[in-house]
mmCIF file of all heavy atoms, coordinates in Angstrom:
data_MODEL
# 
_entry.id   MODEL 
# 
loop_
_atom_site.group_PDB 
_atom_site.id 
_atom_site.type_symbol 
_atom_site.label_atom_id 
_atom_site.label_alt_id 
_atom_site.label_comp_id 
_atom_site.label_asym_id 
_atom_site.label_entity_id 
_atom_site.label_seq_id 
_atom_site.pdbx_PDB_ins_code 
_atom_site.Cartn_x 
_atom_site.Cartn_y 
_atom_site.Cartn_z 
_atom_site.occupancy 
_atom_site.B_iso_or_equiv 
_atom_site.pdbx_formal_charge 
_atom_site.auth_seq_id 
_atom_site.auth_comp_id 
_atom_site.auth_asym_id 
_atom_site.auth_atom_id 
_atom_site.pdbx_PDB_model_num 
ATOM 1   N N   . ALA A 1 1  ? 0.183   1.809   -17.507 1.00 0.00 ? 1  ALA A N   1 
ATOM 2   C CA  . ALA A 1 1  ? 0.392   2.772   -16.482 1.00 0.00 ? 1  ALA A CA  1 
ATOM 3   C C   . ALA A 1 1  ? -0.324  4.106   -16.797 1.00 0.00 ? 1  ALA A C   1 
ATOM 4   O O   . ALA A 1 1  ? -0.521  4.893   -15.897 1.00 0.00 ? 1  ALA A O   1 
ATOM 5   C CB  . ALA A 1 1  ? 1.973   2.953   -16.259 1.00 0.00 ? 1  ALA A CB  1 
ATOM 6   N N   . LYS A 1 2  ? -0.661  4.248   -18.029 1.00 0.00 ? 2  LYS A N   1 
ATOM 7   C CA  . LYS A 1 2  ? -1.388  5.439   -18.479 1.00 0.00 ? 2  LYS A CA  1 
ATOM 8   C C   . LYS A 1 2  ? -2.779  5.470   -17.931 1.00 0.00 ? 2  LYS A C   1 
ATOM 9   O O   . LYS A 1 2  ? -3.358  6.507   -17.623 1.00 0.00 ? 2  LYS A O   1 
ATOM 10  C CB  . LYS A 1 2  ? -1.452  5.608   -19.946 1.00 0.00 ? 2  LYS A CB  1 
ATOM 11  C CG  . LYS A 1 2  ? -0.098  5.776   -20.532 1.00 0.00 ? 2  LYS A CG  1 
ATOM 12  C CD  . LYS A 1 2  ? -0.141  5.827   -22.109 1.00 0.00 ? 2  LYS A CD  1 
ATOM 13  C CE  . LYS A 1 2  ? 1.190   5.949   -22.611 1.00 0.00 ? 2  LYS A CE  1 
ATOM 14  N NZ  . LYS A 1 2  ? 1.203   5.691   -24.110 1.00 0.00 ? 2  LYS A NZ  1 
ATOM 15  N N   . THR A 1 3  ? -3.366  4.280   -17.745 1.00 0.00 ? 3  THR A N   1 
ATOM 16  C CA  . THR A 1 3  ? -4.794  4.284   -17.246 1.00 0.00 ? 3  THR A CA  1 
ATOM 17  C C   . THR A 1 3  ? -4.869  3.693   -15.848 1.00 0.00 ? 3  THR A C   1 
ATOM 18  O O   . THR A 1 3  ? -5.823  4.060   -15.174 1.00 0.00 ? 3  THR A O   1 
ATOM 19  C CB  . THR A 1 3  ? -5.642  3.333   -18.128 1.00 0.00 ? 3  THR A CB  1 
ATOM 20  O OG1 . THR A 1 3  ? -5.091  2.028   -18.236 1.00 0.00 ? 3  THR A OG1 1 
ATOM 21  C CG2 . THR A 1 3  ? -5.878  3.878   -19.640 1.00 0.00 ? 3  THR A CG2 1 
ATOM 22  N N   . PHE A 1 4  ? -3.903  2.882   -15.430 1.00 0.00 ? 4  PHE A N   1 
ATOM 23  C CA  . PHE A 1 4  ? -3.838  2.529   -14.004 1.00 0.00 ? 4  PHE A CA  1 
ATOM 24  C C   . PHE A 1 4  ? -2.760  3.329   -13.366 1.00 0.00 ? 4  PHE A C   1 
ATOM 25  O O   . PHE A 1 4  ? -1.533  2.941   -13.376 1.00 0.00 ? 4  PHE A O   1 
ATOM 26  C CB  . PHE A 1 4  ? -3.614  0.936   -13.919 1.00 0.00 ? 4  PHE A CB  1 
ATOM 27  C CG  . PHE A 1 4  ? -3.535  0.523   -12.461 1.00 0.00 ? 4  PHE A CG  1 
ATOM 28  C CD1 . PHE A 1 4  ? -4.769  0.471   -11.683 1.00 0.00 ? 4  PHE A CD1 1 
ATOM 29  C CD2 . PHE A 1 4  ? -2.405  0.237   -11.807 1.00 0.00 ? 4  PHE A CD2 1 
ATOM 30  C CE1 . PHE A 1 4  ? -4.758  0.110   -10.398 1.00 0.00 ? 4  PHE A CE1 1 
ATOM 31  C CE2 . PHE A 1 4  ? -2.412  -0.278  -10.474 1.00 0.00 ? 4  PHE A CE2 1 
ATOM 32  C CZ  . PHE A 1 4  ? -3.608  -0.275  -9.791  1.00 0.00 ? 4  PHE A CZ  1 
ATOM 33  N N   . ARG A 1 5  ? -3.174  4.480   -12.814 1.00 0.00 ? 5  ARG A N   1 
ATOM 34  C CA  . ARG A 1 5  ? -2.161  5.421   -12.276 1.00 0.00 ? 5  ARG A CA  1 
ATOM 35  C C   . ARG A 1 5  ? -1.866  5.423   -10.787 1.00 0.00 ? 5  ARG A C   1 
ATOM 36  O O   . ARG A 1 5  ? -1.243  6.204   -10.216 1.00 0.00 ? 5  ARG A O   1 
ATOM 37  C CB  . ARG A 1 5  ? -2.673  6.930   -12.653 1.00 0.00 ? 5  ARG A CB  1 
ATOM 38  C CG  . ARG A 1 5  ? -2.690  7.073   -14.237 1.00 0.00 ? 5  ARG A CG  1 
ATOM 39  C CD  . ARG A 1 5  ? -3.219  8.463   -14.494 1.00 0.00 ? 5  ARG A CD  1 
ATOM 40  N NE  . ARG A 1 5  ? -4.597  8.630   -14.182 1.00 0.00 ? 5  ARG A NE  1 
ATOM 41  C CZ  . ARG A 1 5  ? -5.600  8.303   -14.975 1.00 0.00 ? 5  ARG A CZ  1 
ATOM 42  N NH1 . ARG A 1 5  ? -5.458  7.764   -16.180 1.00 0.00 ? 5  ARG A NH1 1 
ATOM 43  N NH2 . ARG A 1 5  ? -6.864  8.582   -14.602 1.00 0.00 ? 5  ARG A NH2 1 
ATOM 44  N N   . TYR A 1 6  ? -2.520  4.364   -10.099 1.00 0.00 ? 6  TYR A N   1 
ATOM 45  C CA  . TYR A 1 6  ? -2.450  4.285   -8.671  1.00 0.00 ? 6  TYR A CA  1 
ATOM 46  C C   . TYR A 1 6  ? -1.020  4.418   -8.174  1.00 0.00 ? 6  TYR A C   1 
ATOM 47  O O   . TYR A 1 6  ? -0.772  5.092   -7.172  1.00 0.00 ? 6  TYR A O   1 
ATOM 48  C CB  . TYR A 1 6  ? -3.106  3.035   -8.241  1.00 0.00 ? 6  TYR A CB  1 
ATOM 49  C CG  . TYR A 1 6  ? -3.169  2.796   -6.774  1.00 0.00 ? 6  TYR A CG  1 
ATOM 50  C CD1 . TYR A 1 6  ? -4.096  3.526   -6.015  1.00 0.00 ? 6  TYR A CD1 1 
ATOM 51  C CD2 . TYR A 1 6  ? -2.307  2.023   -5.976  1.00 0.00 ? 6  TYR A CD2 1 
ATOM 52  C CE1 . TYR A 1 6  ? -4.242  3.374   -4.658  1.00 0.00 ? 6  TYR A CE1 1 
ATOM 53  C CE2 . TYR A 1 6  ? -2.353  1.923   -4.640  1.00 0.00 ? 6  TYR A CE2 1 
ATOM 54  C CZ  . TYR A 1 6  ? -3.342  2.520   -3.997  1.00 0.00 ? 6  TYR A CZ  1 
ATOM 55  O OH  . TYR A 1 6  ? -3.454  2.518   -2.695  1.00 0.00 ? 6  TYR A OH  1 
ATOM 56  N N   . PHE A 1 7  ? -0.053  3.700   -8.716  1.00 0.00 ? 7  PHE A N   1 
ATOM 57  C CA  . PHE A 1 7  ? 1.335   3.726   -8.289  1.00 0.00 ? 7  PHE A CA  1 
ATOM 58  C C   . PHE A 1 7  ? 2.159   4.850   -8.931  1.00 0.00 ? 7  PHE A C   1 
ATOM 59  O O   . PHE A 1 7  ? 3.309   4.986   -8.604  1.00 0.00 ? 7  PHE A O   1 
ATOM 60  C CB  . PHE A 1 7  ? 1.966   2.419   -8.504  1.00 0.00 ? 7  PHE A CB  1 
ATOM 61  C CG  . PHE A 1 7  ? 1.463   1.305   -7.589  1.00 0.00 ? 7  PHE A CG  1 
ATOM 62  C CD1 . PHE A 1 7  ? 0.678   0.327   -8.120  1.00 0.00 ? 7  PHE A CD1 1 
ATOM 63  C CD2 . PHE A 1 7  ? 1.683   1.339   -6.280  1.00 0.00 ? 7  PHE A CD2 1 
ATOM 64  C CE1 . PHE A 1 7  ? 0.082   -0.695  -7.169  1.00 0.00 ? 7  PHE A CE1 1 
ATOM 65  C CE2 . PHE A 1 7  ? 1.136   0.381   -5.398  1.00 0.00 ? 7  PHE A CE2 1 
ATOM 66  C CZ  . PHE A 1 7  ? 0.331   -0.597  -5.927  1.00 0.00 ? 7  PHE A CZ  1 
ATOM 67  N N   . ASN A 1 8  ? 1.574   5.709   -9.679  1.00 0.00 ? 8  ASN A N   1 
ATOM 68  C CA  . ASN A 1 8  ? 2.236   6.904   -10.215 1.00 0.00 ? 8  ASN A CA  1 
ATOM 69  C C   . ASN A 1 8  ? 2.509   7.880   -9.126  1.00 0.00 ? 8  ASN A C   1 
ATOM 70  O O   . ASN A 1 8  ? 3.575   8.581   -9.204  1.00 0.00 ? 8  ASN A O   1 
ATOM 71  C CB  . ASN A 1 8  ? 1.500   7.583   -11.374 1.00 0.00 ? 8  ASN A CB  1 
ATOM 72  C CG  . ASN A 1 8  ? 1.402   6.784   -12.664 1.00 0.00 ? 8  ASN A CG  1 
ATOM 73  O OD1 . ASN A 1 8  ? 2.068   5.739   -12.688 1.00 0.00 ? 8  ASN A OD1 1 
ATOM 74  N ND2 . ASN A 1 8  ? 0.709   7.208   -13.571 1.00 0.00 ? 8  ASN A ND2 1 
ATOM 75  N N   . THR A 1 9  ? 1.660   7.931   -8.152  1.00 0.00 ? 9  THR A N   1 
ATOM 76  C CA  . THR A 1 9  ? 1.859   8.867   -7.072  1.00 0.00 ? 9  THR A CA  1 
ATOM 77  C C   . THR A 1 9  ? 2.098   8.234   -5.688  1.00 0.00 ? 9  THR A C   1 
ATOM 78  O O   . THR A 1 9  ? 2.032   8.869   -4.658  1.00 0.00 ? 9  THR A O   1 
ATOM 79  C CB  . THR A 1 9  ? 0.607   9.834   -6.930  1.00 0.00 ? 9  THR A CB  1 
ATOM 80  O OG1 . THR A 1 9  ? -0.519  8.975   -6.796  1.00 0.00 ? 9  THR A OG1 1 
ATOM 81  C CG2 . THR A 1 9  ? 0.508   10.616  -8.345  1.00 0.00 ? 9  THR A CG2 1 
ATOM 82  N N   . ARG A 1 10 ? 2.139   6.940   -5.637  1.00 0.00 ? 10 ARG A N   1 
ATOM 83  C CA  . ARG A 1 10 ? 2.288   6.194   -4.416  1.00 0.00 ? 10 ARG A CA  1 
ATOM 84  C C   . ARG A 1 10 ? 3.487   5.143   -4.494  1.00 0.00 ? 10 ARG A C   1 
ATOM 85  O O   . ARG A 1 10 ? 3.719   4.602   -5.557  1.00 0.00 ? 10 ARG A O   1 
ATOM 86  C CB  . ARG A 1 10 ? 1.086   5.356   -4.054  1.00 0.00 ? 10 ARG A CB  1 
ATOM 87  C CG  . ARG A 1 10 ? -0.128  6.208   -3.894  1.00 0.00 ? 10 ARG A CG  1 
ATOM 88  C CD  . ARG A 1 10 ? -1.403  5.361   -3.809  1.00 0.00 ? 10 ARG A CD  1 
ATOM 89  N NE  . ARG A 1 10 ? -2.593  6.130   -3.660  1.00 0.00 ? 10 ARG A NE  1 
ATOM 90  C CZ  . ARG A 1 10 ? -3.261  6.661   -4.718  1.00 0.00 ? 10 ARG A CZ  1 
ATOM 91  N NH1 . ARG A 1 10 ? -2.801  6.503   -5.908  1.00 0.00 ? 10 ARG A NH1 1 
ATOM 92  N NH2 . ARG A 1 10 ? -4.378  7.338   -4.456  1.00 0.00 ? 10 ARG A NH2 1 
ATOM 93  N N   . GLU A 1 11 ? 4.171   4.910   -3.409  1.00 0.00 ? 11 GLU A N   1 
ATOM 94  C CA  . GLU A 1 11 ? 5.160   3.879   -3.313  1.00 0.00 ? 11 GLU A CA  1 
ATOM 95  C C   . GLU A 1 11 ? 4.461   2.594   -3.130  1.00 0.00 ? 11 GLU A C   1 
ATOM 96  O O   . GLU A 1 11 ? 3.376   2.515   -2.512  1.00 0.00 ? 11 GLU A O   1 
ATOM 97  C CB  . GLU A 1 11 ? 6.023   4.198   -2.180  1.00 0.00 ? 11 GLU A CB  1 
ATOM 98  C CG  . GLU A 1 11 ? 6.956   5.459   -2.271  1.00 0.00 ? 11 GLU A CG  1 
ATOM 99  C CD  . GLU A 1 11 ? 7.944   5.316   -3.475  1.00 0.00 ? 11 GLU A CD  1 
ATOM 100 O OE1 . GLU A 1 11 ? 8.517   4.172   -3.641  1.00 0.00 ? 11 GLU A OE1 1 
ATOM 101 O OE2 . GLU A 1 11 ? 8.131   6.342   -4.240  1.00 0.00 ? 11 GLU A OE2 1 
ATOM 102 N N   . PRO A 1 12 ? 5.082   1.507   -3.584  1.00 0.00 ? 12 PRO A N   1 
ATOM 103 C CA  . PRO A 1 12 ? 4.562   0.170   -3.421  1.00 0.00 ? 12 PRO A CA  1 
ATOM 104 C C   . PRO A 1 12 ? 4.170   -0.134  -1.957  1.00 0.00 ? 12 PRO A C   1 
ATOM 105 O O   . PRO A 1 12 ? 3.266   -0.919  -1.593  1.00 0.00 ? 12 PRO A O   1 
ATOM 106 C CB  . PRO A 1 12 ? 5.597   -0.766  -3.995  1.00 0.00 ? 12 PRO A CB  1 
ATOM 107 C CG  . PRO A 1 12 ? 6.265   0.025   -4.960  1.00 0.00 ? 12 PRO A CG  1 
ATOM 108 C CD  . PRO A 1 12 ? 6.320   1.507   -4.384  1.00 0.00 ? 12 PRO A CD  1 
ATOM 109 N N   . SER A 1 13 ? 4.923   0.475   -1.042  1.00 0.00 ? 13 SER A N   1 
ATOM 110 C CA  . SER A 1 13 ? 4.710   0.250   0.472   1.00 0.00 ? 13 SER A CA  1 
ATOM 111 C C   . SER A 1 13 ? 3.329   0.678   0.920   1.00 0.00 ? 13 SER A C   1 
ATOM 112 O O   . SER A 1 13 ? 2.924   0.408   1.994   1.00 0.00 ? 13 SER A O   1 
ATOM 113 C CB  . SER A 1 13 ? 5.794   0.901   1.247   1.00 0.00 ? 13 SER A CB  1 
ATOM 114 O OG  . SER A 1 13 ? 5.801   2.320   1.043   1.00 0.00 ? 13 SER A OG  1 
ATOM 115 N N   . VAL A 1 14 ? 2.521   1.426   0.049   1.00 0.00 ? 14 VAL A N   1 
ATOM 116 C CA  . VAL A 1 14 ? 1.184   1.875   0.384   1.00 0.00 ? 14 VAL A CA  1 
ATOM 117 C C   . VAL A 1 14 ? 0.358   0.633   0.673   1.00 0.00 ? 14 VAL A C   1 
ATOM 118 O O   . VAL A 1 14 ? -0.701  0.766   1.406   1.00 0.00 ? 14 VAL A O   1 
ATOM 119 C CB  . VAL A 1 14 ? 0.572   2.704   -0.738  1.00 0.00 ? 14 VAL A CB  1 
ATOM 120 C CG1 . VAL A 1 14 ? 0.263   1.879   -1.990  1.00 0.00 ? 14 VAL A CG1 1 
ATOM 121 C CG2 . VAL A 1 14 ? -0.637  3.427   -0.171  1.00 0.00 ? 14 VAL A CG2 1 
ATOM 122 N N   . ILE A 1 15 ? 0.717   -0.496  0.211   1.00 0.00 ? 15 ILE A N   1 
ATOM 123 C CA  . ILE A 1 15 ? -0.206  -1.697  0.533   1.00 0.00 ? 15 ILE A CA  1 
ATOM 124 C C   . ILE A 1 15 ? -0.259  -2.006  1.987   1.00 0.00 ? 15 ILE A C   1 
ATOM 125 O O   . ILE A 1 15 ? -1.231  -2.684  2.348   1.00 0.00 ? 15 ILE A O   1 
ATOM 126 C CB  . ILE A 1 15 ? 0.258   -2.977  -0.311  1.00 0.00 ? 15 ILE A CB  1 
ATOM 127 C CG1 . ILE A 1 15 ? 1.683   -3.408  0.281   1.00 0.00 ? 15 ILE A CG1 1 
ATOM 128 C CG2 . ILE A 1 15 ? 0.376   -2.673  -1.719  1.00 0.00 ? 15 ILE A CG2 1 
ATOM 129 C CD1 . ILE A 1 15 ? 1.970   -4.862  -0.213  1.00 0.00 ? 15 ILE A CD1 1 
ATOM 130 N N   . SER A 1 16 ? 0.658   -1.387  2.824   1.00 0.00 ? 16 SER A N   1 
ATOM 131 C CA  . SER A 1 16 ? 0.436   -1.638  4.208   1.00 0.00 ? 16 SER A CA  1 
ATOM 132 C C   . SER A 1 16 ? -0.840  -0.952  4.761   1.00 0.00 ? 16 SER A C   1 
ATOM 133 O O   . SER A 1 16 ? -1.265  -1.305  5.818   1.00 0.00 ? 16 SER A O   1 
ATOM 134 C CB  . SER A 1 16 ? 1.640   -1.049  4.999   1.00 0.00 ? 16 SER A CB  1 
ATOM 135 O OG  . SER A 1 16 ? 1.849   0.319   4.858   1.00 0.00 ? 16 SER A OG  1 
ATOM 136 N N   . ASN A 1 17 ? -1.363  0.014   3.995   1.00 0.00 ? 17 ASN A N   1 
ATOM 137 C CA  . ASN A 1 17 ? -2.626  0.605   4.336   1.00 0.00 ? 17 ASN A CA  1 
ATOM 138 C C   . ASN A 1 17 ? -3.880  -0.018  3.720   1.00 0.00 ? 17 ASN A C   1 
ATOM 139 O O   . ASN A 1 17 ? -5.013  0.407   4.077   1.00 0.00 ? 17 ASN A O   1 
ATOM 140 C CB  . ASN A 1 17 ? -2.689  2.040   3.923   1.00 0.00 ? 17 ASN A CB  1 
ATOM 141 C CG  . ASN A 1 17 ? -1.537  2.842   4.552   1.00 0.00 ? 17 ASN A CG  1 
ATOM 142 O OD1 . ASN A 1 17 ? -1.187  2.612   5.598   1.00 0.00 ? 17 ASN A OD1 1 
ATOM 143 N ND2 . ASN A 1 17 ? -0.989  3.847   3.810   1.00 0.00 ? 17 ASN A ND2 1 
ATOM 144 N N   . HIS A 1 18 ? -3.684  -0.994  2.952   1.00 0.00 ? 18 HIS A N   1 
ATOM 145 C CA  . HIS A 1 18 ? -4.782  -1.658  2.262   1.00 0.00 ? 18 HIS A CA  1 
ATOM 146 C C   . HIS A 1 18 ? -5.446  -2.658  3.180   1.00 0.00 ? 18 HIS A C   1 
ATOM 147 O O   . HIS A 1 18 ? -4.786  -3.311  4.052   1.00 0.00 ? 18 HIS A O   1 
ATOM 148 C CB  . HIS A 1 18 ? -4.359  -2.450  0.981   1.00 0.00 ? 18 HIS A CB  1 
ATOM 149 C CG  . HIS A 1 18 ? -3.855  -1.603  -0.084  1.00 0.00 ? 18 HIS A CG  1 
ATOM 150 N ND1 . HIS A 1 18 ? -3.325  -2.098  -1.253  1.00 0.00 ? 18 HIS A ND1 1 
ATOM 151 C CD2 . HIS A 1 18 ? -3.916  -0.289  -0.236  1.00 0.00 ? 18 HIS A CD2 1 
ATOM 152 C CE1 . HIS A 1 18 ? -3.006  -1.148  -2.026  1.00 0.00 ? 18 HIS A CE1 1 
ATOM 153 N NE2 . HIS A 1 18 ? -3.332  -0.027  -1.501  1.00 0.00 ? 18 HIS A NE2 1 
ATOM 154 N N   . LEU A 1 19 ? -6.776  -2.894  2.919   1.00 0.00 ? 19 LEU A N   1 
ATOM 155 C CA  . LEU A 1 19 ? -7.524  -3.933  3.637   1.00 0.00 ? 19 LEU A CA  1 
ATOM 156 C C   . LEU A 1 19 ? -7.020  -5.336  3.134   1.00 0.00 ? 19 LEU A C   1 
ATOM 157 O O   . LEU A 1 19 ? -6.850  -6.233  3.845   1.00 0.00 ? 19 LEU A O   1 
ATOM 158 C CB  . LEU A 1 19 ? -9.008  -3.867  3.431   1.00 0.00 ? 19 LEU A CB  1 
ATOM 159 C CG  . LEU A 1 19 ? -9.616  -2.552  4.031   1.00 0.00 ? 19 LEU A CG  1 
ATOM 160 C CD1 . LEU A 1 19 ? -11.024 -2.413  3.584   1.00 0.00 ? 19 LEU A CD1 1 
ATOM 161 C CD2 . LEU A 1 19 ? -9.536  -2.596  5.499   1.00 0.00 ? 19 LEU A CD2 1 
ATOM 162 N N   . VAL A 1 20 ? -6.781  -5.439  1.797   1.00 0.00 ? 20 VAL A N   1 
ATOM 163 C CA  . VAL A 1 20 ? -6.280  -6.511  1.144   1.00 0.00 ? 20 VAL A CA  1 
ATOM 164 C C   . VAL A 1 20 ? -5.568  -6.085  -0.187  1.00 0.00 ? 20 VAL A C   1 
ATOM 165 O O   . VAL A 1 20 ? -6.052  -5.149  -0.873  1.00 0.00 ? 20 VAL A O   1 
ATOM 166 C CB  . VAL A 1 20 ? -7.472  -7.532  0.827   1.00 0.00 ? 20 VAL A CB  1 
ATOM 167 C CG1 . VAL A 1 20 ? -8.414  -6.941  -0.130  1.00 0.00 ? 20 VAL A CG1 1 
ATOM 168 C CG2 . VAL A 1 20 ? -6.895  -8.849  0.309   1.00 0.00 ? 20 VAL A CG2 1 
ATOM 169 N N   . THR A 1 21 ? -4.491  -6.796  -0.511  1.00 0.00 ? 21 THR A N   1 
ATOM 170 C CA  . THR A 1 21 ? -3.838  -6.575  -1.788  1.00 0.00 ? 21 THR A CA  1 
ATOM 171 C C   . THR A 1 21 ? -3.573  -8.013  -2.402  1.00 0.00 ? 21 THR A C   1 
ATOM 172 O O   . THR A 1 21 ? -3.098  -8.869  -1.706  1.00 0.00 ? 21 THR A O   1 
ATOM 173 C CB  . THR A 1 21 ? -2.404  -5.924  -1.539  1.00 0.00 ? 21 THR A CB  1 
ATOM 174 O OG1 . THR A 1 21 ? -2.669  -4.726  -0.816  1.00 0.00 ? 21 THR A OG1 1 
ATOM 175 C CG2 . THR A 1 21 ? -1.772  -5.607  -2.844  1.00 0.00 ? 21 THR A CG2 1 
ATOM 176 N N   . LEU A 1 22 ? -4.027  -8.110  -3.563  1.00 0.00 ? 22 LEU A N   1 
ATOM 177 C CA  . LEU A 1 22 ? -3.967  -9.431  -4.318  1.00 0.00 ? 22 LEU A CA  1 
ATOM 178 C C   . LEU A 1 22 ? -3.103  -9.360  -5.547  1.00 0.00 ? 22 LEU A C   1 
ATOM 179 O O   . LEU A 1 22 ? -3.145  -8.205  -6.247  1.00 0.00 ? 22 LEU A O   1 
ATOM 180 C CB  . LEU A 1 22 ? -5.405  -9.893  -4.730  1.00 0.00 ? 22 LEU A CB  1 
ATOM 181 C CG  . LEU A 1 22 ? -6.371  -10.119 -3.613  1.00 0.00 ? 22 LEU A CG  1 
ATOM 182 C CD1 . LEU A 1 22 ? -7.711  -10.429 -4.216  1.00 0.00 ? 22 LEU A CD1 1 
ATOM 183 C CD2 . LEU A 1 22 ? -5.974  -11.029 -2.625  1.00 0.00 ? 22 LEU A CD2 1 
ATOM 184 N N   . LEU A 1 23 ? -2.385  -10.415 -5.905  1.00 0.00 ? 23 LEU A N   1 
ATOM 185 C CA  . LEU A 1 23 ? -1.772  -10.532 -7.136  1.00 0.00 ? 23 LEU A CA  1 
ATOM 186 C C   . LEU A 1 23 ? -2.128  -11.837 -7.753  1.00 0.00 ? 23 LEU A C   1 
ATOM 187 O O   . LEU A 1 23 ? -2.183  -12.873 -7.075  1.00 0.00 ? 23 LEU A O   1 
ATOM 188 C CB  . LEU A 1 23 ? -0.231  -10.533 -6.933  1.00 0.00 ? 23 LEU A CB  1 
ATOM 189 C CG  . LEU A 1 23 ? 0.579   -9.177  -6.802  1.00 0.00 ? 23 LEU A CG  1 
ATOM 190 C CD1 . LEU A 1 23 ? 1.993   -9.423  -6.537  1.00 0.00 ? 23 LEU A CD1 1 
ATOM 191 C CD2 . LEU A 1 23 ? 0.341   -8.341  -7.948  1.00 0.00 ? 23 LEU A CD2 1 
ATOM 192 N N   . MET A 1 24 ? -2.396  -11.862 -9.017  1.00 0.00 ? 24 MET A N   1 
ATOM 193 C CA  . MET A 1 24 ? -2.567  -13.121 -9.744  1.00 0.00 ? 24 MET A CA  1 
ATOM 194 C C   . MET A 1 24 ? -1.232  -13.448 -10.461 1.00 0.00 ? 24 MET A C   1 
ATOM 195 O O   . MET A 1 24 ? -0.626  -12.584 -11.099 1.00 0.00 ? 24 MET A O   1 
ATOM 196 C CB  . MET A 1 24 ? -3.749  -12.994 -10.811 1.00 0.00 ? 24 MET A CB  1 
ATOM 197 C CG  . MET A 1 24 ? -3.968  -14.344 -11.499 1.00 0.00 ? 24 MET A CG  1 
ATOM 198 S SD  . MET A 1 24 ? -5.138  -14.211 -12.804 1.00 0.00 ? 24 MET A SD  1 
ATOM 199 C CE  . MET A 1 24 ? -6.702  -14.036 -11.843 1.00 0.00 ? 24 MET A CE  1 
ATOM 200 N N   . LEU A 1 25 ? -0.862  -14.647 -10.272 1.00 0.00 ? 25 LEU A N   1 
ATOM 201 C CA  . LEU A 1 25 ? 0.357   -15.266 -10.827 1.00 0.00 ? 25 LEU A CA  1 
ATOM 202 C C   . LEU A 1 25 ? 0.163   -16.284 -11.822 1.00 0.00 ? 25 LEU A C   1 
ATOM 203 O O   . LEU A 1 25 ? -0.799  -17.123 -11.563 1.00 0.00 ? 25 LEU A O   1 
ATOM 204 C CB  . LEU A 1 25 ? 1.293   -15.692 -9.694  1.00 0.00 ? 25 LEU A CB  1 
ATOM 205 C CG  . LEU A 1 25 ? 1.553   -14.839 -8.401  1.00 0.00 ? 25 LEU A CG  1 
ATOM 206 C CD1 . LEU A 1 25 ? 2.379   -15.652 -7.460  1.00 0.00 ? 25 LEU A CD1 1 
ATOM 207 C CD2 . LEU A 1 25 ? 2.323   -13.576 -8.908  1.00 0.00 ? 25 LEU A CD2 1 
# 
C-alpha cells in the first residue's frame, strides 16, 4: 500500500468509473 496508493484516497466503488477492472485469482 506504500507504493500502490490508488485506494488510499479512493473508495473501492471507484471501479464504477473504470473502463475495466481486473483481478487475478
